[in-house]
Each structure stands twice: as structure tokens, then as C-alpha cells.
Amino acid sequence: MKMSFEHRDGLGLLRVEEPRIDASVAIQFKDRFHDLTQNGTGDVILDLSQVDFLDSSGLGALVGARKLLGAGRVLELCGLTPTVDRVMVLTRMHTVFPIHPDLVTALATRAATS
């Protein structure tokens, strides 16, 4: 699973560079997420702007990723495509994850609340 990660101002910025998070890659997603975030201490913003499809396995992987961060760390989402956004609303996961339209807005929102 192709993902990139960078630290910026105490945050982890993680970008999924695949068009799908589904049953065929859900375990790889969680493993890669864990590898990239396990040594960090801050919150993580997950950029899903390149993801066009998310099924129930992918949704489970997102919830699992949130749990992998542990107590005191927040997983925020940004850049949801219309299809992914629809899944989040239908499953009410938009009430579980902080969601931002894009990375710039996510960073600006965090800066304004700090």
C-alpha cells in the first residue's frame, strides 16, 4: 500500500496514494499506517484525496487505524472524495472522525484552535 508520511509542527501528515481502500488492501493499510505512525506522539491528519473507493473493510481499517494511535492522539481526515464522503455519512462515521475539506483547511483549523 503506497502511503507517504511527514512530520509538520508536531503533527503527522499521512497521505494515501492509492485509489481504493477495500478488502484487498485493508490489512496492508493498517500495517502501513502502524509502521508510519507508531513512533510519533502527536495527532495525525490522514489525506484521502486520492481515494475514490472505500468499502466496509476499508472503513474498518480506518477505525482500526484510529485505535492504533492510542489514547491522547487524534486521527483527523481530509480531502474526502464524494464517494468516500457518502460512505462516511451513511455509516455515521462523520460523527466519529474530525473531517476537513482539504489539508490546507485541516492545518488552518488546527492552527486556529491551538
PDB file of N, CA and C in Angstrom:
ATOM      1  N   MET A   1       0.854  -1.176   0.000  1.00  0.00           N
ATOM      2  CA  MET A   1       0.000   0.000   0.000  1.00  0.00           C
ATOM      3  C   MET A   1       0.892   1.228   0.000  1.00  0.00           C
ATOM      4  N   LYS A   2       0.701   2.066  -0.955  1.00  0.00           N
ATOM      5  CA  LYS A   2       1.542   3.256  -1.084  1.00  0.00           C
ATOM      6  C   LYS A   2       0.955   4.408  -0.262  1.00  0.00           C
ATOM      7  N   MET A   3       1.766   4.869   0.684  1.00  0.00           N
ATOM      8  CA  MET A   3       1.394   5.979   1.553  1.00  0.00           C
ATOM      9  C   MET A   3       2.654   6.798   1.824  1.00  0.00           C
ATOM     10  N   SER A   4       2.466   8.099   2.003  1.00  0.00           N
ATOM     11  CA  SER A   4       3.605   8.939   2.368  1.00  0.00           C
ATOM     12  C   SER A   4       3.305   9.603   3.707  1.00  0.00           C
ATOM     13  N   PHE A   5       4.374   9.921   4.429  1.00  0.00           N
ATOM     14  CA  PHE A   5       4.227  10.474   5.777  1.00  0.00           C
ATOM     15  C   PHE A   5       5.253  11.564   5.991  1.00  0.00           C
ATOM     16  N   GLU A   6       4.821  12.625   6.642  1.00  0.00           N
ATOM     17  CA  GLU A   6       5.754  13.674   7.046  1.00  0.00           C
ATOM     18  C   GLU A   6       5.322  14.251   8.382  1.00  0.00           C
ATOM     19  N   HIS A   7       6.299  14.729   9.135  1.00  0.00           N
ATOM     20  CA  HIS A   7       6.025  15.421  10.394  1.00  0.00           C
ATOM     21  C   HIS A   7       6.018  16.913  10.088  1.00  0.00           C
ATOM     22  N   ARG A   8       5.019  17.601  10.625  1.00  0.00           N
ATOM     23  CA  ARG A   8       4.966  19.051  10.442  1.00  0.00           C
ATOM     24  C   ARG A   8       4.325  19.673  11.680  1.00  0.00           C
ATOM     25  N   ASP A   9       5.059  20.510  12.358  1.00  0.00           N
ATOM     26  CA  ASP A   9       4.548  21.241  13.521  1.00  0.00           C
ATOM     27  C   ASP A   9       3.902  20.323  14.554  1.00  0.00           C
ATOM     28  N   GLY A  10       4.545  19.213  14.849  1.00  0.00           N
ATOM     29  CA  GLY A  10       4.035  18.300  15.858  1.00  0.00           C
ATOM     30  C   GLY A  10       2.915  17.381  15.394  1.00  0.00           C
ATOM     31  N   LEU A  11       2.602  17.452  14.124  1.00  0.00           N
ATOM     32  CA  LEU A  11       1.548  16.614  13.540  1.00  0.00           C
ATOM     33  C   LEU A  11       2.154  15.594  12.599  1.00  0.00           C
ATOM     34  N   GLY A  12       1.467  14.487  12.450  1.00  0.00           N
ATOM     35  CA  GLY A  12       1.809  13.548  11.403  1.00  0.00           C
ATOM     36  C   GLY A  12       0.856  13.755  10.238  1.00  0.00           C
ATOM     37  N   LEU A  13       1.397  13.963   9.068  1.00  0.00           N
ATOM     38  CA  LEU A  13       0.579  14.121   7.861  1.00  0.00           C
ATOM     39  C   LEU A  13       0.785  12.885   7.007  1.00  0.00           C
ATOM     40  N   LEU A  14      -0.276  12.127   6.831  1.00  0.00           N
ATOM     41  CA  LEU A  14      -0.195  10.870   6.122  1.00  0.00           C
ATOM     42  C   LEU A  14      -1.114  10.932   4.905  1.00  0.00           C
ATOM     43  N   ARG A  15      -0.575  10.610   3.748  1.00  0.00           N
ATOM     44  CA  ARG A  15      -1.347  10.661   2.505  1.00  0.00           C
ATOM     45  C   ARG A  15      -1.436   9.255   1.914  1.00  0.00           C
ATOM     46  N   VAL A  16      -2.662   8.818   1.649  1.00  0.00           N
ATOM     47  CA  VAL A  16      -2.878   7.554   0.959  1.00  0.00           C
ATOM     48  C   VAL A  16      -2.715   7.827  -0.528  1.00  0.00           C
ATOM     49  N   GLU A  17      -1.831   7.096  -1.170  1.00  0.00           N
ATOM     50  CA  GLU A  17      -1.547   7.306  -2.588  1.00  0.00           C
ATOM     51  C   GLU A  17      -2.037   6.127  -3.415  1.00  0.00           C
ATOM     52  N   GLU A  18      -3.257   5.719  -3.127  1.00  0.00           N
ATOM     53  CA  GLU A  18      -3.923   4.623  -3.821  1.00  0.00           C
ATOM     54  C   GLU A  18      -5.363   5.040  -4.076  1.00  0.00           C
ATOM     55  N   PRO A  19      -6.004   4.501  -5.114  1.00  0.00           N
ATOM     56  CA  PRO A  19      -7.386   4.884  -5.399  1.00  0.00           C
ATOM     57  C   PRO A  19      -8.434   4.142  -4.577  1.00  0.00           C
ATOM     58  N   ARG A  20      -8.036   3.084  -3.872  1.00  0.00           N
ATOM     59  CA  ARG A  20      -9.017   2.271  -3.155  1.00  0.00           C
ATOM     60  C   ARG A  20      -8.482   1.829  -1.793  1.00  0.00           C
ATOM     61  N   ILE A  21      -9.376   1.828  -0.834  1.00  0.00           N
ATOM     62  CA  ILE A  21      -9.117   1.136   0.428  1.00  0.00           C
ATOM     63  C   ILE A  21     -10.285   0.159   0.565  1.00  0.00           C
ATOM     64  N   ASP A  22     -10.009  -1.083   0.209  1.00  0.00           N
ATOM     65  CA  ASP A  22     -11.050  -2.106   0.208  1.00  0.00           C
ATOM     66  C   ASP A  22     -10.503  -3.392   0.803  1.00  0.00           C
ATOM     67  N   ALA A  23     -11.276  -4.461   0.686  1.00  0.00           N
ATOM     68  CA  ALA A  23     -10.896  -5.730   1.315  1.00  0.00           C
ATOM     69  C   ALA A  23      -9.529  -6.219   0.856  1.00  0.00           C
ATOM     70  N   SER A  24      -9.155  -5.904  -0.365  1.00  0.00           N
ATOM     71  CA  SER A  24      -7.883  -6.412  -0.892  1.00  0.00           C
ATOM     72  C   SER A  24      -6.662  -5.716  -0.297  1.00  0.00           C
ATOM     73  N   VAL A  25      -6.843  -4.530   0.287  1.00  0.00           N
ATOM     74  CA  VAL A  25      -5.698  -3.792   0.839  1.00  0.00           C
ATOM     75  C   VAL A  25      -5.894  -3.322   2.276  1.00  0.00           C
ATOM     76  N   ALA A  26      -7.018  -3.658   2.899  1.00  0.00           N
ATOM     77  CA  ALA A  26      -7.325  -3.144   4.241  1.00  0.00           C
ATOM     78  C   ALA A  26      -6.245  -3.519   5.262  1.00  0.00           C
ATOM     79  N   ILE A  27      -5.797  -4.756   5.230  1.00  0.00           N
ATOM     80  CA  ILE A  27      -4.764  -5.183   6.190  1.00  0.00           C
ATOM     81  C   ILE A  27      -3.450  -4.472   5.900  1.00  0.00           C
ATOM     82  N   GLN A  28      -3.110  -4.333   4.632  1.00  0.00           N
ATOM     83  CA  GLN A  28      -1.892  -3.607   4.261  1.00  0.00           C
ATOM     84  C   GLN A  28      -1.981  -2.154   4.721  1.00  0.00           C
ATOM     85  N   PHE A  29      -3.170  -1.547   4.571  1.00  0.00           N
ATOM     86  CA  PHE A  29      -3.368  -0.173   5.010  1.00  0.00           C
ATOM     87  C   PHE A  29      -3.070  -0.051   6.501  1.00  0.00           C
ATOM     88  N   LYS A  30      -3.680  -0.912   7.312  1.00  0.00           N
ATOM     89  CA  LYS A  30      -3.469  -0.834   8.759  1.00  0.00           C
ATOM     90  C   LYS A  30      -2.015  -1.077   9.133  1.00  0.00           C
ATOM     91  N   ASP A  31      -1.384  -2.054   8.497  1.00  0.00           N
ATOM     92  CA  ASP A  31       0.022  -2.331   8.788  1.00  0.00           C
ATOM     93  C   ASP A  31       0.905  -1.141   8.433  1.00  0.00           C
ATOM     94  N   ARG A  32       0.678  -0.575   7.274  1.00  0.00           N
ATOM     95  CA  ARG A  32       1.482   0.577   6.828  1.00  0.00           C
ATOM     96  C   ARG A  32       1.217   1.785   7.722  1.00  0.00           C
ATOM     97  N   PHE A  33      -0.044   2.018   8.062  1.00  0.00           N
ATOM     98  CA  PHE A  33      -0.408   3.108   8.962  1.00  0.00           C
ATOM     99  C   PHE A  33       0.352   2.953  10.284  1.00  0.00           C
ATOM    100  N   HIS A  34       0.335   1.748  10.826  1.00  0.00           N
ATOM    101  CA  HIS A  34       1.029   1.489  12.088  1.00  0.00           C
ATOM    102  C   HIS A  34       2.523   1.755  11.961  1.00  0.00           C
ATOM    103  N   ASP A  35       3.130   1.244  10.891  1.00  0.00           N
ATOM    104  CA  ASP A  35       4.565   1.443  10.688  1.00  0.00           C
ATOM    105  C   ASP A  35       4.933   2.921  10.631  1.00  0.00           C
ATOM    106  N   LEU A  36       4.094   3.717   9.977  1.00  0.00           N
ATOM    107  CA  LEU A  36       4.402   5.131   9.776  1.00  0.00           C
ATOM    108  C   LEU A  36       4.112   5.995  10.995  1.00  0.00           C
ATOM    109  N   THR A  37       3.199   5.565  11.855  1.00  0.00           N
ATOM    110  CA  THR A  37       2.770   6.428  12.959  1.00  0.00           C
ATOM    111  C   THR A  37       3.203   5.952  14.341  1.00  0.00           C
ATOM    112  N   GLN A  38       3.740   4.757  14.457  1.00  0.00           N
ATOM    113  CA  GLN A  38       3.996   4.188  15.779  1.00  0.00           C
ATOM    114  C   GLN A  38       5.011   4.961  16.612  1.00  0.00           C
ATOM    115  N   ASN A  39       5.943   5.630  15.994  1.00  0.00           N
ATOM    116  CA  ASN A  39       6.966   6.349  16.756  1.00  0.00           C
ATOM    117  C   ASN A  39       6.602   7.794  17.046  1.00  0.00           C
ATOM    118  N   GLY A  40       5.470   8.248  16.530  1.00  0.00           N
ATOM    119  CA  GLY A  40       5.056   9.625  16.749  1.00  0.00           C
ATOM    120  C   GLY A  40       4.289   9.783  18.047  1.00  0.00           C
ATOM    121  N   THR A  41       4.120  11.021  18.449  1.00  0.00           N
ATOM    122  CA  THR A  41       3.365  11.304  19.664  1.00  0.00           C
ATOM    123  C   THR A  41       2.195  12.237  19.409  1.00  0.00           C
ATOM    124  N   GLY A  42       2.186  12.914  18.280  1.00  0.00           N
ATOM    125  CA  GLY A  42       1.132  13.879  18.002  1.00  0.00           C
ATOM    126  C   GLY A  42      -0.031  13.271  17.242  1.00  0.00           C
ATOM    127  N   ASP A  43      -1.000  14.131  16.979  1.00  0.00           N
ATOM    128  CA  ASP A  43      -2.162  13.741  16.196  1.00  0.00           C
ATOM    129  C   ASP A  43      -1.759  13.476  14.754  1.00  0.00           C
ATOM    130  N   VAL A  44      -2.648  12.842  14.012  1.00  0.00           N
ATOM    131  CA  VAL A  44      -2.384  12.501  12.617  1.00  0.00           C
ATOM    132  C   VAL A  44      -3.531  13.005  11.747  1.00  0.00           C
ATOM    133  N   ILE A  45      -3.178  13.636  10.642  1.00  0.00           N
ATOM    134  CA  ILE A  45      -4.157  14.011   9.625  1.00  0.00           C
ATOM    135  C   ILE A  45      -3.955  13.072   8.452  1.00  0.00           C
ATOM    136  N   LEU A  46      -5.015  12.363   8.096  1.00  0.00           N
ATOM    137  CA  LEU A  46      -4.984  11.388   7.016  1.00  0.00           C
ATOM    138  C   LEU A  46      -5.643  11.995   5.787  1.00  0.00           C
ATOM    139  N   ASP A  47      -4.852  12.209   4.749  1.00  0.00           N
ATOM    140  CA  ASP A  47      -5.329  12.798   3.497  1.00  0.00           C
ATOM    141  C   ASP A  47      -5.824  11.684   2.575  1.00  0.00           C
ATOM    142  N   LEU A  48      -7.118  11.689   2.309  1.00  0.00           N
ATOM    143  CA  LEU A  48      -7.738  10.665   1.470  1.00  0.00           C
ATOM    144  C   LEU A  48      -8.137  11.210   0.101  1.00  0.00           C
ATOM    145  N   SER A  49      -7.534  12.293  -0.324  1.00  0.00           N
ATOM    146  CA  SER A  49      -7.940  12.949  -1.569  1.00  0.00           C
ATOM    147  C   SER A  49      -7.715  12.103  -2.817  1.00  0.00           C
ATOM    148  N   GLN A  50      -6.859  11.093  -2.739  1.00  0.00           N
ATOM    149  CA  GLN A  50      -6.631  10.233  -3.897  1.00  0.00           C
ATOM    150  C   GLN A  50      -7.462   8.946  -3.845  1.00  0.00           C
ATOM    151  N   VAL A  51      -8.223   8.772  -2.771  1.00  0.00           N
ATOM    152  CA  VAL A  51      -9.025   7.562  -2.599  1.00  0.00           C
ATOM    153  C   VAL A  51     -10.415   7.785  -3.185  1.00  0.00           C
ATOM    154  N   ASP A  52     -10.737   6.995  -4.206  1.00  0.00           N
ATOM    155  CA  ASP A  52     -12.034   7.098  -4.864  1.00  0.00           C
ATOM    156  C   ASP A  52     -13.042   6.075  -4.367  1.00  0.00           C
ATOM    157  N   PHE A  53     -12.565   5.053  -3.661  1.00  0.00           N
ATOM    158  CA  PHE A  53     -13.459   3.975  -3.237  1.00  0.00           C
ATOM    159  C   PHE A  53     -13.070   3.476  -1.851  1.00  0.00           C
ATOM    160  N   LEU A  54     -14.061   3.327  -0.990  1.00  0.00           N
ATOM    161  CA  LEU A  54     -13.873   2.835   0.368  1.00  0.00           C
ATOM    162  C   LEU A  54     -15.029   1.888   0.669  1.00  0.00           C
ATOM    163  N   ASP A  55     -14.723   0.616   0.932  1.00  0.00           N
ATOM    164  CA  ASP A  55     -15.792  -0.321   1.265  1.00  0.00           C
ATOM    165  C   ASP A  55     -15.803  -0.571   2.770  1.00  0.00           C
ATOM    166  N   SER A  56     -16.617  -1.523   3.226  1.00  0.00           N
ATOM    167  CA  SER A  56     -16.731  -1.767   4.659  1.00  0.00           C
ATOM    168  C   SER A  56     -15.415  -2.227   5.273  1.00  0.00           C
ATOM    169  N   SER A  57     -14.618  -2.975   4.525  1.00  0.00           N
ATOM    170  CA  SER A  57     -13.307  -3.381   5.032  1.00  0.00           C
ATOM    171  C   SER A  57     -12.391  -2.172   5.179  1.00  0.00           C
ATOM    172  N   GLY A  58     -12.459  -1.271   4.220  1.00  0.00           N
ATOM    173  CA  GLY A  58     -11.678  -0.042   4.304  1.00  0.00           C
ATOM    174  C   GLY A  58     -12.117   0.826   5.459  1.00  0.00           C
ATOM    175  N   LEU A  59     -13.412   0.891   5.673  1.00  0.00           N
ATOM    176  CA  LEU A  59     -13.942   1.653   6.800  1.00  0.00           C
ATOM    177  C   LEU A  59     -13.462   1.046   8.113  1.00  0.00           C
ATOM    178  N   GLY A  60     -13.485  -0.270   8.182  1.00  0.00           N
ATOM    179  CA  GLY A  60     -12.963  -0.949   9.367  1.00  0.00           C
ATOM    180  C   GLY A  60     -11.487  -0.671   9.575  1.00  0.00           C
ATOM    181  N   ALA A  61     -10.746  -0.571   8.484  1.00  0.00           N
ATOM    182  CA  ALA A  61      -9.322  -0.262   8.570  1.00  0.00           C
ATOM    183  C   ALA A  61      -9.099   1.145   9.109  1.00  0.00           C
ATOM    184  N   LEU A  62      -9.948   2.099   8.714  1.00  0.00           N
ATOM    185  CA  LEU A  62      -9.837   3.461   9.248  1.00  0.00           C
ATOM    186  C   LEU A  62     -10.103   3.475  10.749  1.00  0.00           C
ATOM    187  N   VAL A  63     -11.133   2.754  11.177  1.00  0.00           N
ATOM    188  CA  VAL A  63     -11.443   2.684  12.605  1.00  0.00           C
ATOM    189  C   VAL A  63     -10.290   2.002  13.342  1.00  0.00           C
ATOM    190  N   GLY A  64      -9.749   0.938  12.759  1.00  0.00           N
ATOM    191  CA  GLY A  64      -8.606   0.256  13.362  1.00  0.00           C
ATOM    192  C   GLY A  64      -7.396   1.163  13.461  1.00  0.00           C
ATOM    193  N   ALA A  65      -7.175   1.977  12.429  1.00  0.00           N
ATOM    194  CA  ALA A  65      -6.054   2.921  12.443  1.00  0.00           C
ATOM    195  C   ALA A  65      -6.218   3.926  13.573  1.00  0.00           C
ATOM    196  N   ARG A  66      -7.436   4.381  13.759  1.00  0.00           N
ATOM    197  CA  ARG A  66      -7.714   5.325  14.844  1.00  0.00           C
ATOM    198  C   ARG A  66      -7.347   4.707  16.183  1.00  0.00           C
ATOM    199  N   LYS A  67      -7.703   3.450  16.367  1.00  0.00           N
ATOM    200  CA  LYS A  67      -7.389   2.762  17.614  1.00  0.00           C
ATOM    201  C   LYS A  67      -5.889   2.539  17.778  1.00  0.00           C
ATOM    202  N   LEU A  68      -5.185   2.318  16.666  1.00  0.00           N
ATOM    203  CA  LEU A  68      -3.740   2.102  16.731  1.00  0.00           C
ATOM    204  C   LEU A  68      -2.997   3.312  17.289  1.00  0.00           C
ATOM    205  N   LEU A  69      -3.543   4.499  17.087  1.00  0.00           N
ATOM    206  CA  LEU A  69      -2.872   5.700  17.604  1.00  0.00           C
ATOM    207  C   LEU A  69      -2.848   5.711  19.125  1.00  0.00           C
ATOM    208  N   GLY A  70      -3.826   5.110  19.746  1.00  0.00           N
ATOM    209  CA  GLY A  70      -3.866   5.063  21.199  1.00  0.00           C
ATOM    210  C   GLY A  70      -4.482   6.307  21.817  1.00  0.00           C
ATOM    211  N   ALA A  71      -4.611   6.256  23.116  1.00  0.00           N
ATOM    212  CA  ALA A  71      -5.231   7.345  23.866  1.00  0.00           C
ATOM    213  C   ALA A  71      -4.419   8.626  23.739  1.00  0.00           C
ATOM    214  N   GLY A  72      -5.124   9.723  23.641  1.00  0.00           N
ATOM    215  CA  GLY A  72      -4.464  11.020  23.604  1.00  0.00           C
ATOM    216  C   GLY A  72      -4.039  11.490  22.221  1.00  0.00           C
ATOM    217  N   ARG A  73      -4.195  10.642  21.212  1.00  0.00           N
ATOM    218  CA  ARG A  73      -3.856  11.034  19.841  1.00  0.00           C
ATOM    219  C   ARG A  73      -5.129  10.986  18.997  1.00  0.00           C
ATOM    220  N   VAL A  74      -5.293  11.966  18.135  1.00  0.00           N
ATOM    221  CA  VAL A  74      -6.497  12.080  17.314  1.00  0.00           C
ATOM    222  C   VAL A  74      -6.158  11.795  15.856  1.00  0.00           C
ATOM    223  N   LEU A  75      -7.043  11.080  15.185  1.00  0.00           N
ATOM    224  CA  LEU A  75      -6.939  10.865  13.746  1.00  0.00           C
ATOM    225  C   LEU A  75      -7.985  11.723  13.071  1.00  0.00           C
ATOM    226  N   GLU A  76      -7.531  12.686  12.272  1.00  0.00           N
ATOM    227  CA  GLU A  76      -8.417  13.550  11.512  1.00  0.00           C
ATOM    228  C   GLU A  76      -8.316  13.163  10.048  1.00  0.00           C
ATOM    229  N   LEU A  77      -9.406  13.331   9.314  1.00  0.00           N
ATOM    230  CA  LEU A  77      -9.447  13.003   7.890  1.00  0.00           C
ATOM    231  C   LEU A  77      -9.603  14.271   7.083  1.00  0.00           C
ATOM    232  N   CYS A  78      -9.052  14.263   5.875  1.00  0.00           N
ATOM    233  CA  CYS A  78      -9.256  15.400   4.987  1.00  0.00           C
ATOM    234  C   CYS A  78      -9.277  14.913   3.542  1.00  0.00           C
ATOM    235  N   GLY A  79      -9.837  15.757   2.682  1.00  0.00           N
ATOM    236  CA  GLY A  79      -9.811  15.501   1.245  1.00  0.00           C
ATOM    237  C   GLY A  79     -10.715  14.376   0.788  1.00  0.00           C
ATOM    238  N   LEU A  80     -11.818  14.149   1.473  1.00  0.00           N
ATOM    239  CA  LEU A  80     -12.695  13.058   1.081  1.00  0.00           C
ATOM    240  C   LEU A  80     -13.328  13.332  -0.279  1.00  0.00           C
ATOM    241  N   THR A  81     -13.225  12.359  -1.164  1.00  0.00           N
ATOM    242  CA  THR A  81     -13.904  12.443  -2.457  1.00  0.00           C
ATOM    243  C   THR A  81     -15.397  12.237  -2.198  1.00  0.00           C
ATOM    244  N   PRO A  82     -16.248  12.621  -3.141  1.00  0.00           N
ATOM    245  CA  PRO A  82     -17.697  12.473  -2.912  1.00  0.00           C
ATOM    246  C   PRO A  82     -18.128  11.053  -2.542  1.00  0.00           C
ATOM    247  N   THR A  83     -17.545  10.061  -3.176  1.00  0.00           N
ATOM    248  CA  THR A  83     -17.917   8.671  -2.874  1.00  0.00           C
ATOM    249  C   THR A  83     -17.523   8.294  -1.453  1.00  0.00           C
ATOM    250  N   VAL A  84     -16.319   8.647  -1.050  1.00  0.00           N
ATOM    251  CA  VAL A  84     -15.857   8.332   0.304  1.00  0.00           C
ATOM    252  C   VAL A  84     -16.659   9.127   1.329  1.00  0.00           C
ATOM    253  N   ASP A  85     -16.945  10.371   1.035  1.00  0.00           N
ATOM    254  CA  ASP A  85     -17.744  11.197   1.927  1.00  0.00           C
ATOM    255  C   ASP A  85     -19.128  10.577   2.130  1.00  0.00           C
ATOM    256  N   ARG A  86     -19.717  10.076   1.068  1.00  0.00           N
ATOM    257  CA  ARG A  86     -21.038   9.453   1.154  1.00  0.00           C
ATOM    258  C   ARG A  86     -21.002   8.241   2.092  1.00  0.00           C
ATOM    259  N   VAL A  87     -19.953   7.417   1.992  1.00  0.00           N
ATOM    260  CA  VAL A  87     -19.799   6.259   2.881  1.00  0.00           C
ATOM    261  C   VAL A  87     -19.694   6.724   4.334  1.00  0.00           C
ATOM    262  N   MET A  88     -18.928   7.766   4.570  1.00  0.00           N
ATOM    263  CA  MET A  88     -18.751   8.269   5.933  1.00  0.00           C
ATOM    264  C   MET A  88     -20.072   8.772   6.518  1.00  0.00           C
ATOM    265  N   VAL A  89     -20.876   9.438   5.698  1.00  0.00           N
ATOM    266  CA  VAL A  89     -22.159   9.954   6.179  1.00  0.00           C
ATOM    267  C   VAL A  89     -23.158   8.814   6.393  1.00  0.00           C
ATOM    268  N   LEU A  90     -23.243   7.896   5.437  1.00  0.00           N
ATOM    269  CA  LEU A  90     -24.194   6.782   5.550  1.00  0.00           C
ATOM    270  C   LEU A  90     -23.919   5.907   6.766  1.00  0.00           C
ATOM    271  N   THR A  91     -22.666   5.768   7.129  1.00  0.00           N
ATOM    272  CA  THR A  91     -22.292   4.938   8.278  1.00  0.00           C
ATOM    273  C   THR A  91     -22.160   5.755   9.564  1.00  0.00           C
ATOM    274  N   ARG A  92     -22.404   7.047   9.468  1.00  0.00           N
ATOM    275  CA  ARG A  92     -22.313   7.993  10.577  1.00  0.00           C
ATOM    276  C   ARG A  92     -20.898   8.122  11.136  1.00  0.00           C
ATOM    277  N   MET A  93     -19.919   7.702  10.365  1.00  0.00           N
ATOM    278  CA  MET A  93     -18.527   7.840  10.795  1.00  0.00           C
ATOM    279  C   MET A  93     -18.082   9.296  10.759  1.00  0.00           C
ATOM    280  N   HIS A  94     -18.850  10.153  10.091  1.00  0.00           N
ATOM    281  CA  HIS A  94     -18.521  11.579  10.100  1.00  0.00           C
ATOM    282  C   HIS A  94     -18.718  12.177  11.493  1.00  0.00           C
ATOM    283  N   THR A  95     -19.399  11.440  12.371  1.00  0.00           N
ATOM    284  CA  THR A  95     -19.550  11.901  13.756  1.00  0.00           C
ATOM    285  C   THR A  95     -18.415  11.378  14.647  1.00  0.00           C
ATOM    286  N   VAL A  96     -17.627  10.455  14.126  1.00  0.00           N
ATOM    287  CA  VAL A  96     -16.533   9.850  14.889  1.00  0.00           C
ATOM    288  C   VAL A  96     -15.207  10.527  14.578  1.00  0.00           C
ATOM    289  N   PHE A  97     -14.992  10.821  13.300  1.00  0.00           N
ATOM    290  CA  PHE A  97     -13.742  11.426  12.849  1.00  0.00           C
ATOM    291  C   PHE A  97     -13.929  12.912  12.582  1.00  0.00           C
ATOM    292  N   PRO A  98     -12.991  13.759  13.027  1.00  0.00           N
ATOM    293  CA  PRO A  98     -12.988  15.135  12.539  1.00  0.00           C
ATOM    294  C   PRO A  98     -12.643  15.094  11.038  1.00  0.00           C
ATOM    295  N   ILE A  99     -13.450  15.756  10.217  1.00  0.00           N
ATOM    296  CA  ILE A  99     -13.247  15.720   8.767  1.00  0.00           C
ATOM    297  C   ILE A  99     -13.135  17.148   8.242  1.00  0.00           C
ATOM    298  N   HIS A 100     -12.124  17.356   7.395  1.00  0.00           N
ATOM    299  CA  HIS A 100     -11.864  18.668   6.794  1.00  0.00           C
ATOM    300  C   HIS A 100     -11.918  18.541   5.270  1.00  0.00           C
ATOM    301  N   PRO A 101     -12.308  19.604   4.597  1.00  0.00           N
ATOM    302  CA  PRO A 101     -12.400  19.530   3.129  1.00  0.00           C
ATOM    303  C   PRO A 101     -11.076  19.214   2.443  1.00  0.00           C
ATOM    304  N   ASP A 102      -9.977  19.741   2.991  1.00  0.00           N
ATOM    305  CA  ASP A 102      -8.662  19.529   2.382  1.00  0.00           C
ATOM    306  C   ASP A 102      -7.586  19.737   3.442  1.00  0.00           C
ATOM    307  N   LEU A 103      -6.355  19.449   3.080  1.00  0.00           N
ATOM    308  CA  LEU A 103      -5.247  19.541   4.037  1.00  0.00           C
ATOM    309  C   LEU A 103      -5.012  20.976   4.489  1.00  0.00           C
ATOM    310  N   VAL A 104      -5.114  21.930   3.596  1.00  0.00           N
ATOM    311  CA  VAL A 104      -4.895  23.334   3.963  1.00  0.00           C
ATOM    312  C   VAL A 104      -5.892  23.758   5.038  1.00  0.00           C
ATOM    313  N   THR A 105      -7.155  23.386   4.861  1.00  0.00           N
ATOM    314  CA  THR A 105      -8.183  23.727   5.841  1.00  0.00           C
ATOM    315  C   THR A 105      -7.934  23.005   7.158  1.00  0.00           C
ATOM    316  N   ALA A 106      -7.528  21.743   7.088  1.00  0.00           N
ATOM    317  CA  ALA A 106      -7.243  20.976   8.309  1.00  0.00           C
ATOM    318  C   ALA A 106      -6.136  21.657   9.108  1.00  0.00           C
ATOM    319  N   LEU A 107      -5.075  22.059   8.438  1.00  0.00           N
ATOM    320  CA  LEU A 107      -3.959  22.709   9.126  1.00  0.00           C
ATOM    321  C   LEU A 107      -4.372  24.075   9.675  1.00  0.00           C
ATOM    322  N   ALA A 108      -5.152  24.818   8.904  1.00  0.00           N
ATOM    323  CA  ALA A 108      -5.606  26.134   9.362  1.00  0.00           C
ATOM    324  C   ALA A 108      -6.533  26.010  10.565  1.00  0.00           C
ATOM    325  N   THR A 109      -7.403  25.030  10.561  1.00  0.00           N
ATOM    326  CA  THR A 109      -8.322  24.798  11.677  1.00  0.00           C
ATOM    327  C   THR A 109      -7.551  24.453  12.937  1.00  0.00           C
ATOM    328  N   ARG A 110      -6.557  23.592  12.801  1.00  0.00           N
ATOM    329  CA  ARG A 110      -5.741  23.217  13.955  1.00  0.00           C
ATOM    330  C   ARG A 110      -4.951  24.420  14.467  1.00  0.00           C
ATOM    331  N   ALA A 111      -4.423  25.231  13.564  1.00  0.00           N
ATOM    332  CA  ALA A 111      -3.659  26.404  13.983  1.00  0.00           C
ATOM    333  C   ALA A 111      -4.547  27.396  14.726  1.00  0.00           C
ATOM    334  N   ALA A 112      -5.791  27.530  14.280  1.00  0.00           N
ATOM    335  CA  ALA A 112      -6.708  28.477  14.903  1.00  0.00           C
ATOM    336  C   ALA A 112      -7.159  28.019  16.290  1.00  0.00           C
ATOM    337  N   THR A 113      -7.140  26.709  16.529  1.00  0.00           N
ATOM    338  CA  THR A 113      -7.575  26.200  17.841  1.00  0.00           C
ATOM    339  C   THR A 113      -6.413  25.970  18.790  1.00  0.00           C
ATOM    340  N   SER A 114      -5.197  26.195  18.330  1.00  0.00           N
ATOM    341  CA  SER A 114      -4.011  25.970  19.202  1.00  0.00           C
ATOM    342  C   SER A 114      -3.706  27.178  20.035  1.00  0.00           C
TER     343      SER A 114
END
